[in-house]
Amino acid sequence: MTALVDCDIHNELAPGSLDPYLPDRWRHYDQTYGQRGDGGFPYPKGAPNAARADAWPPSGLPAGADLEFMREQHLDPLEIEYGILNCLTKANRQQNPGYAAALCRAVNEWQIAEWLEKEPRLRAGISVPYEDPQLAAAEIDRAAGHPGFVQVLLLVRTDEPLGRRRYRPILEAAVRHHLPIGIHFGGGRANPLTSAGWPSFYIEDHTAMAQAFQAQVISMVVEGVFEEFPTLRVVLIEGGFGWLPSLMWRLDKHWARLRDEVPHLTRPPSAYIREHFWVTTQPIEEPPEREDLLTVFDHMGGVEKIMFSTDYPHWDFDEPQRAIRAKLPGPVREQIFGGNARALYGLG
């Protein structure tokens, strides 16, 4: 069996988890005033915290908050060699920037003490207050020295497109520490998910998140991020990728006609995408025929840009044997289920 690297595992905070890691001022603020970020996660009532029904541990902690249960249910039975933790808290998008920075720092210290130092198979993304890029860059500089952190974690629904110059300090800090930027499903504070307004149903919200990923890819390419940071690497996590080849074709077509508007781009947009973006497999838009899936990989820049993920412990979890493993030839499986992530994140 191919040694698995799972690029999307969610560790969850339990009530009071951050108290030991918050300064007195911010612990008092947290207890007195609380969080003022987005309006909450639009998960169905039947799947609170987006969790699988069987992922709630006997300890009574929230799904994803019990390390020992995660070992028993996920890491051990699937023989996972490495797992990348993407902690989805509201810490990174609080309206109060000082509070957001304190919460993110506490999240990162909690991840070190309660996860990375207790389980050698785990690595994590650095939580940052990304809507205040200077504070975010400072947290990257502070936390990046710990070997357990292998990427900077952002959520895809930012206040403005990530190509905007205001976010450059985050990208510069990531490059300075040789860390990829991981952009994960979720987020949002004020803007509708779609360019046409707020959706009516959960299925719309869940499906339309791909639009947010497309907008970020377009923005980062067209605003010249990769001309300024030629070594920057970006991972699109839980956003699908079947839409990516057609987006590249469309961008290239319009760039051929409108390139004088963006003279800072020295190559077609698809060239930047193929070089600088990686994707995770869950959720995968999987065609019936294996050959079609391999064709999609080729259009994206090659199979080396695809990395396996489960999304544990969430309801749309992908079990390895039921995902794409059976449809892929041996060498491709080796790359997707382990080799690509080891190379990108410097594992092993």
Protein backbone atom coordinates (compact mmCIF):
# COMPACT_ATOMS: atom_id res chain seq x y z
CA MET A 1 0.00 0.00 0.00
CA THR A 2 1.18 3.53 -0.76
CA ALA A 3 2.18 5.42 2.39
CA LEU A 4 -0.50 8.09 2.79
CA VAL A 5 -0.04 11.79 3.33
CA ASP A 6 -3.38 13.37 4.21
CA CYS A 7 -3.25 17.07 3.31
CA ASP A 8 -6.46 18.14 5.02
CA ILE A 9 -7.25 17.07 8.59
CA HIS A 10 -9.23 19.37 10.86
CA ASN A 11 -8.33 19.67 14.51
CA GLU A 12 -11.06 21.39 16.45
CA LEU A 13 -10.98 23.65 19.50
CA ALA A 14 -12.95 22.62 22.57
CA PRO A 15 -14.40 25.27 24.89
CA GLY A 16 -11.57 26.78 26.91
CA SER A 17 -8.81 25.25 24.78
CA LEU A 18 -7.13 28.60 24.17
CA ASP A 19 -7.33 29.94 27.73
CA PRO A 20 -3.82 28.75 28.73
CA TYR A 21 -2.35 30.43 25.64
CA LEU A 22 -4.09 33.83 25.79
CA PRO A 23 -2.62 36.77 27.73
CA ASP A 24 -4.81 37.96 30.61
CA ARG A 25 -6.02 40.98 28.64
CA TRP A 26 -7.28 38.94 25.72
CA ARG A 27 -8.63 36.09 27.84
CA HIS A 28 -10.74 38.67 29.69
CA TYR A 29 -11.79 40.22 26.37
CA ASP A 30 -12.72 36.78 25.03
CA GLN A 31 -14.83 35.93 28.05
CA THR A 32 -16.46 39.37 28.30
CA TYR A 33 -17.04 40.46 24.71
CA GLY A 34 -16.47 37.35 22.60
CA GLN A 35 -15.90 36.94 18.91
CA ARG A 36 -17.20 39.23 16.18
CA GLY A 37 -16.25 37.64 12.88
CA ASP A 38 -18.47 36.09 10.26
CA GLY A 39 -22.06 35.13 10.80
CA GLY A 40 -21.33 31.47 11.43
CA PHE A 41 -20.83 28.34 9.36
CA PRO A 42 -23.84 27.41 7.19
CA TYR A 43 -23.66 23.71 7.98
CA PRO A 44 -26.83 21.59 8.08
CA LYS A 45 -28.31 21.00 11.53
CA GLY A 46 -27.82 17.28 10.96
CA ALA A 47 -24.07 17.78 10.65
CA PRO A 48 -22.99 20.29 13.31
CA ASN A 49 -19.46 21.57 12.75
CA ALA A 50 -19.69 19.75 9.41
CA ALA A 51 -18.70 16.57 11.24
CA ARG A 52 -19.37 12.94 10.38
CA ALA A 53 -21.86 11.36 12.75
CA ASP A 54 -19.29 8.78 13.87
CA ALA A 55 -16.51 11.35 14.44
CA TRP A 56 -17.76 12.60 17.81
CA PRO A 57 -15.45 11.00 20.39
CA PRO A 58 -16.63 9.18 23.55
CA SER A 59 -14.77 11.80 25.61
CA GLY A 60 -17.53 14.31 24.86
CA LEU A 61 -15.17 16.66 23.07
CA PRO A 62 -16.15 18.09 19.68
CA ALA A 63 -15.34 16.07 16.57
CA GLY A 64 -11.69 16.65 15.73
CA ALA A 65 -10.78 17.84 19.24
CA ASP A 66 -9.65 14.51 20.73
CA LEU A 67 -6.18 13.50 19.53
CA GLU A 68 -6.37 9.96 20.88
CA PHE A 69 -9.69 9.35 19.13
CA MET A 70 -8.25 10.80 15.92
CA ARG A 71 -5.41 8.30 16.18
CA GLU A 72 -7.82 5.39 16.70
CA GLN A 73 -10.32 6.36 14.02
CA HIS A 74 -8.16 7.97 11.37
CA LEU A 75 -4.37 8.01 11.63
CA ASP A 76 -3.81 4.40 12.66
CA PRO A 77 -6.36 2.43 10.57
CA LEU A 78 -5.48 4.33 7.37
CA GLU A 79 -1.74 4.02 8.12
CA ILE A 80 -1.25 7.72 7.55
CA GLU A 81 2.43 8.63 7.39
CA TYR A 82 1.85 12.38 7.74
CA GLY A 83 -1.26 14.49 8.25
CA ILE A 84 -1.54 18.22 7.67
CA LEU A 85 -3.76 19.98 10.22
CA ASN A 86 -5.87 22.87 8.97
CA CYS A 87 -7.53 24.36 12.02
CA LEU A 88 -10.67 26.22 10.93
CA THR A 89 -11.33 28.78 13.65
CA LYS A 90 -12.88 32.24 13.47
CA ALA A 91 -9.69 33.61 15.05
CA ASN A 92 -8.29 34.71 11.72
CA ARG A 93 -11.18 36.99 10.71
CA GLN A 94 -12.24 38.86 13.84
CA GLN A 95 -13.24 42.49 13.40
CA ASN A 96 -10.92 43.55 16.25
CA PRO A 97 -7.42 43.13 14.72
CA GLY A 98 -5.56 42.94 18.03
CA TYR A 99 -7.92 40.27 19.30
CA ALA A 100 -7.60 38.37 16.01
CA ALA A 101 -3.80 38.41 16.28
CA ALA A 102 -3.93 37.22 19.91
CA LEU A 103 -6.33 34.41 19.03
CA CYS A 104 -4.21 33.26 16.08
CA ARG A 105 -1.08 33.22 18.20
CA ALA A 106 -2.94 31.21 20.85
CA VAL A 107 -4.20 28.76 18.20
CA ASN A 108 -0.66 28.21 16.97
CA GLU A 109 0.72 27.70 20.49
CA TRP A 110 -2.15 25.28 21.23
CA GLN A 111 -1.36 23.36 18.04
CA ILE A 112 2.29 23.02 19.04
CA ALA A 113 1.61 21.91 22.62
CA GLU A 114 -1.46 19.73 22.12
CA TRP A 115 -0.94 18.29 18.64
CA LEU A 116 2.49 18.65 17.04
CA GLU A 117 4.52 17.75 20.11
CA LYS A 118 2.23 14.87 21.02
CA GLU A 119 1.91 13.25 17.59
CA PRO A 120 5.01 13.09 15.32
CA ARG A 121 2.91 12.26 12.24
CA LEU A 122 1.17 15.62 12.30
CA ARG A 123 2.12 18.94 10.72
CA ALA A 124 0.04 22.14 10.65
CA GLY A 125 -0.76 25.41 8.94
CA ILE A 126 0.02 28.69 10.70
CA SER A 127 -3.18 30.52 11.63
CA VAL A 128 -2.85 34.23 10.82
CA PRO A 129 -5.13 37.32 11.08
CA TYR A 130 -5.03 37.71 7.32
CA GLU A 131 -7.24 40.80 7.12
CA ASP A 132 -4.47 42.72 8.91
CA PRO A 133 -1.53 41.64 6.75
CA GLN A 134 1.14 43.33 8.87
CA LEU A 135 0.01 41.46 11.97
CA ALA A 136 -0.28 38.28 9.90
CA ALA A 137 3.29 38.64 8.64
CA ALA A 138 4.51 39.16 12.20
CA GLU A 139 2.82 35.92 13.28
CA ILE A 140 4.39 34.05 10.37
CA ASP A 141 7.81 35.36 11.38
CA ARG A 142 7.19 34.29 14.97
CA ALA A 143 5.78 30.81 14.32
CA ALA A 144 7.66 29.70 11.21
CA GLY A 145 10.68 28.55 13.19
CA HIS A 146 8.78 25.57 14.56
CA PRO A 147 9.38 22.58 12.23
CA GLY A 148 5.80 21.38 12.63
CA PHE A 149 4.41 24.28 10.63
CA VAL A 150 4.56 23.57 6.89
CA GLN A 151 2.29 26.23 5.38
CA VAL A 152 0.48 29.51 6.04
CA LEU A 153 -3.26 28.90 6.30
CA LEU A 154 -5.79 31.31 4.78
CA LEU A 155 -9.49 30.87 4.05
CA VAL A 156 -10.68 31.46 0.51
CA ARG A 157 -13.37 34.06 1.24
CA THR A 158 -11.23 37.07 2.12
CA ASP A 159 -12.49 40.66 2.27
CA GLU A 160 -10.67 41.47 -0.98
CA PRO A 161 -9.00 39.32 -3.66
CA LEU A 162 -5.60 38.06 -2.50
CA GLY A 163 -3.81 39.60 -5.47
CA ARG A 164 -4.41 43.07 -4.01
CA ARG A 165 -1.27 44.78 -2.79
CA ARG A 166 -2.55 45.00 0.79
CA TYR A 167 -1.96 41.25 1.18
CA ARG A 168 1.64 41.37 -0.04
CA PRO A 169 3.19 41.29 3.47
CA ILE A 170 1.66 37.83 4.00
CA LEU A 171 2.98 36.49 0.72
CA GLU A 172 6.40 38.04 1.32
CA ALA A 173 6.65 36.46 4.78
CA ALA A 174 5.65 33.05 3.41
CA VAL A 175 8.33 33.27 0.73
CA ARG A 176 10.87 34.48 3.29
CA HIS A 177 10.31 31.31 5.32
CA HIS A 178 9.97 29.00 2.30
CA LEU A 179 6.39 28.12 3.23
CA PRO A 180 3.50 27.52 0.81
CA ILE A 181 0.26 29.45 1.18
CA GLY A 182 -2.64 27.09 1.83
CA ILE A 183 -6.03 28.53 0.80
CA HIS A 184 -8.87 26.52 2.33
CA PHE A 185 -12.63 26.34 1.75
CA GLY A 186 -14.61 28.74 3.93
CA GLY A 187 -14.33 32.14 5.55
CA GLY A 188 -16.20 35.30 4.72
CA ARG A 189 -17.17 38.32 6.78
CA ALA A 190 -19.27 40.68 4.68
CA ASN A 191 -19.25 39.77 1.01
CA PRO A 192 -21.73 37.36 -0.61
CA LEU A 193 -20.28 34.06 -1.75
CA THR A 194 -21.40 34.59 -5.34
CA SER A 195 -21.01 37.61 -7.59
CA ALA A 196 -24.80 37.63 -7.97
CA GLY A 197 -25.59 37.86 -4.26
CA TRP A 198 -26.41 35.57 -1.36
CA PRO A 199 -27.59 32.01 -2.19
CA SER A 200 -30.80 30.55 -0.78
CA PHE A 201 -29.73 27.01 0.02
CA TYR A 202 -26.87 25.15 1.64
CA ILE A 203 -26.26 23.17 -1.55
CA GLU A 204 -25.75 26.46 -3.42
CA ASP A 205 -23.32 27.73 -0.82
CA HIS A 206 -21.36 24.50 -0.73
CA THR A 207 -21.15 24.17 -4.51
CA ALA A 208 -20.48 27.83 -5.24
CA MET A 209 -17.37 27.92 -3.05
CA ALA A 210 -15.47 26.98 -6.23
CA GLN A 211 -16.29 30.49 -7.48
CA ALA A 212 -14.30 31.96 -4.61
CA PHE A 213 -11.31 29.78 -5.50
CA GLN A 214 -11.54 30.85 -9.14
CA ALA A 215 -11.60 34.51 -8.12
CA GLN A 216 -8.48 34.10 -5.99
CA VAL A 217 -6.57 32.29 -8.74
CA ILE A 218 -7.46 34.99 -11.26
CA SER A 219 -6.55 37.79 -8.87
CA MET A 220 -3.17 36.39 -7.85
CA VAL A 221 -2.18 35.73 -11.45
CA VAL A 222 -3.46 38.92 -13.07
CA GLU A 223 -2.22 41.27 -10.33
CA GLY A 224 1.31 39.99 -10.84
CA VAL A 225 1.85 38.12 -7.57
CA PHE A 226 4.07 35.51 -9.21
CA GLU A 227 6.15 38.06 -11.05
CA GLU A 228 6.91 39.67 -7.71
CA PHE A 229 7.29 36.36 -5.83
CA PRO A 230 8.57 33.82 -8.38
CA THR A 231 9.12 31.12 -5.72
CA LEU A 232 5.69 31.41 -4.10
CA ARG A 233 3.70 28.16 -3.95
CA VAL A 234 -0.06 28.05 -3.37
CA VAL A 235 -2.21 25.06 -2.36
CA LEU A 236 -5.96 25.13 -3.06
CA ILE A 237 -7.52 23.01 -0.32
CA GLU A 238 -11.04 21.57 -0.57
CA GLY A 239 -12.00 23.68 -3.54
CA GLY A 240 -12.16 21.00 -6.21
CA PHE A 241 -10.19 21.42 -9.41
CA GLY A 242 -12.27 20.21 -12.37
CA TRP A 243 -12.91 23.89 -13.13
CA LEU A 244 -9.22 24.76 -13.40
CA PRO A 245 -8.42 23.77 -17.03
CA SER A 246 -11.35 25.72 -18.47
CA LEU A 247 -10.43 28.72 -16.31
CA MET A 248 -6.89 28.61 -17.72
CA TRP A 249 -8.21 28.47 -21.30
CA ARG A 250 -10.53 31.41 -20.69
CA LEU A 251 -7.82 33.48 -19.03
CA ASP A 252 -5.36 32.79 -21.83
CA LYS A 253 -7.93 33.75 -24.46
CA HIS A 254 -8.65 37.10 -22.83
CA TRP A 255 -4.99 37.76 -22.07
CA ALA A 256 -4.19 37.34 -25.77
CA ARG A 257 -6.65 40.16 -26.53
CA LEU A 258 -6.13 42.39 -23.49
CA ARG A 259 -2.51 41.85 -22.55
CA ASP A 260 -1.64 45.54 -22.95
CA GLU A 261 -3.71 46.20 -19.80
CA VAL A 262 -1.42 43.92 -17.76
CA PRO A 263 2.08 44.42 -19.22
CA HIS A 264 3.61 43.11 -16.00
CA LEU A 265 2.57 39.58 -17.05
CA THR A 266 5.40 38.12 -19.11
CA ARG A 267 3.69 34.79 -19.79
CA PRO A 268 0.18 33.49 -20.45
CA PRO A 269 -1.89 33.13 -17.25
CA SER A 270 -1.99 29.34 -17.59
CA ALA A 271 1.81 29.21 -17.28
CA TYR A 272 1.68 30.84 -13.84
CA ILE A 273 -1.11 28.51 -12.72
CA ARG A 274 0.69 25.36 -13.82
CA GLU A 275 3.89 26.46 -12.07
CA HIS A 276 2.61 27.91 -8.81
CA PHE A 277 -0.62 26.11 -7.81
CA TRP A 278 -1.21 22.72 -6.20
CA VAL A 279 -4.61 21.21 -5.33
CA THR A 280 -5.96 18.63 -2.91
CA THR A 281 -8.26 15.85 -4.01
CA GLN A 282 -11.26 16.29 -1.73
CA PRO A 283 -13.79 17.09 -3.13
CA ILE A 284 -12.88 15.73 -6.53
CA GLU A 285 -15.06 16.24 -9.60
CA GLU A 286 -14.45 12.70 -10.82
CA PRO A 287 -15.35 11.71 -14.40
CA PRO A 288 -16.48 8.12 -15.06
CA GLU A 289 -13.42 7.26 -17.16
CA ARG A 290 -9.94 7.14 -15.69
CA GLU A 291 -8.38 8.45 -18.88
CA ASP A 292 -10.47 11.63 -18.62
CA LEU A 293 -9.22 12.23 -15.09
CA LEU A 294 -5.62 11.84 -16.20
CA THR A 295 -6.30 14.30 -19.02
CA VAL A 296 -7.53 16.86 -16.49
CA PHE A 297 -4.29 16.35 -14.52
CA ASP A 298 -2.25 16.96 -17.67
CA HIS A 299 -4.09 20.19 -18.45
CA MET A 300 -3.48 21.44 -14.92
CA GLY A 301 0.27 21.03 -15.12
CA GLY A 302 0.77 17.34 -14.44
CA VAL A 303 -0.04 14.77 -11.81
CA GLU A 304 2.69 16.19 -9.54
CA LYS A 305 0.32 19.05 -8.63
CA ILE A 306 -2.35 16.76 -7.09
CA MET A 307 -2.23 15.82 -3.38
CA PHE A 308 -4.52 13.47 -1.51
CA SER A 309 -6.80 14.73 1.28
CA THR A 310 -9.66 13.25 3.32
CA ASP A 311 -11.23 16.31 5.02
CA TYR A 312 -11.47 14.30 8.26
CA PRO A 313 -13.65 14.52 10.37
CA HIS A 314 -16.14 16.30 8.10
CA TRP A 315 -19.26 14.79 6.58
CA ASP A 316 -17.90 14.86 3.00
CA PHE A 317 -14.82 12.89 4.05
CA ASP A 318 -13.06 10.87 1.32
CA GLU A 319 -11.91 7.40 2.34
CA PRO A 320 -8.75 6.49 0.37
CA GLN A 321 -9.97 3.18 -1.02
CA ARG A 322 -13.21 4.76 -2.23
CA ALA A 323 -11.66 7.92 -3.61
CA ILE A 324 -9.56 7.84 -6.77
CA ARG A 325 -7.02 5.19 -5.78
CA ALA A 326 -8.58 2.33 -7.73
CA LYS A 327 -8.78 4.36 -10.94
CA LEU A 328 -5.12 5.36 -11.05
CA PRO A 329 -2.05 3.49 -12.29
CA GLY A 330 0.56 2.59 -9.68
CA PRO A 331 3.13 5.39 -10.22
CA VAL A 332 0.37 8.02 -10.29
CA ARG A 333 -1.04 6.68 -7.02
CA GLU A 334 2.39 6.92 -5.41
CA GLN A 335 2.64 10.58 -6.35
CA ILE A 336 -0.87 11.67 -5.42
CA PHE A 337 -1.19 9.72 -2.19
CA GLY A 338 2.20 10.67 -0.79
CA GLY A 339 5.08 11.70 -3.00
CA ASN A 340 3.77 15.08 -4.11
CA ALA A 341 3.00 16.26 -0.58
CA ARG A 342 6.34 15.02 0.73
CA ALA A 343 8.10 17.06 -1.93
CA LEU A 344 6.03 20.23 -1.47
CA TYR A 345 6.05 20.26 2.32
CA GLY A 346 9.53 18.83 2.81
CA LEU A 347 8.28 15.81 4.75
CA GLY A 348 10.47 12.92 5.72
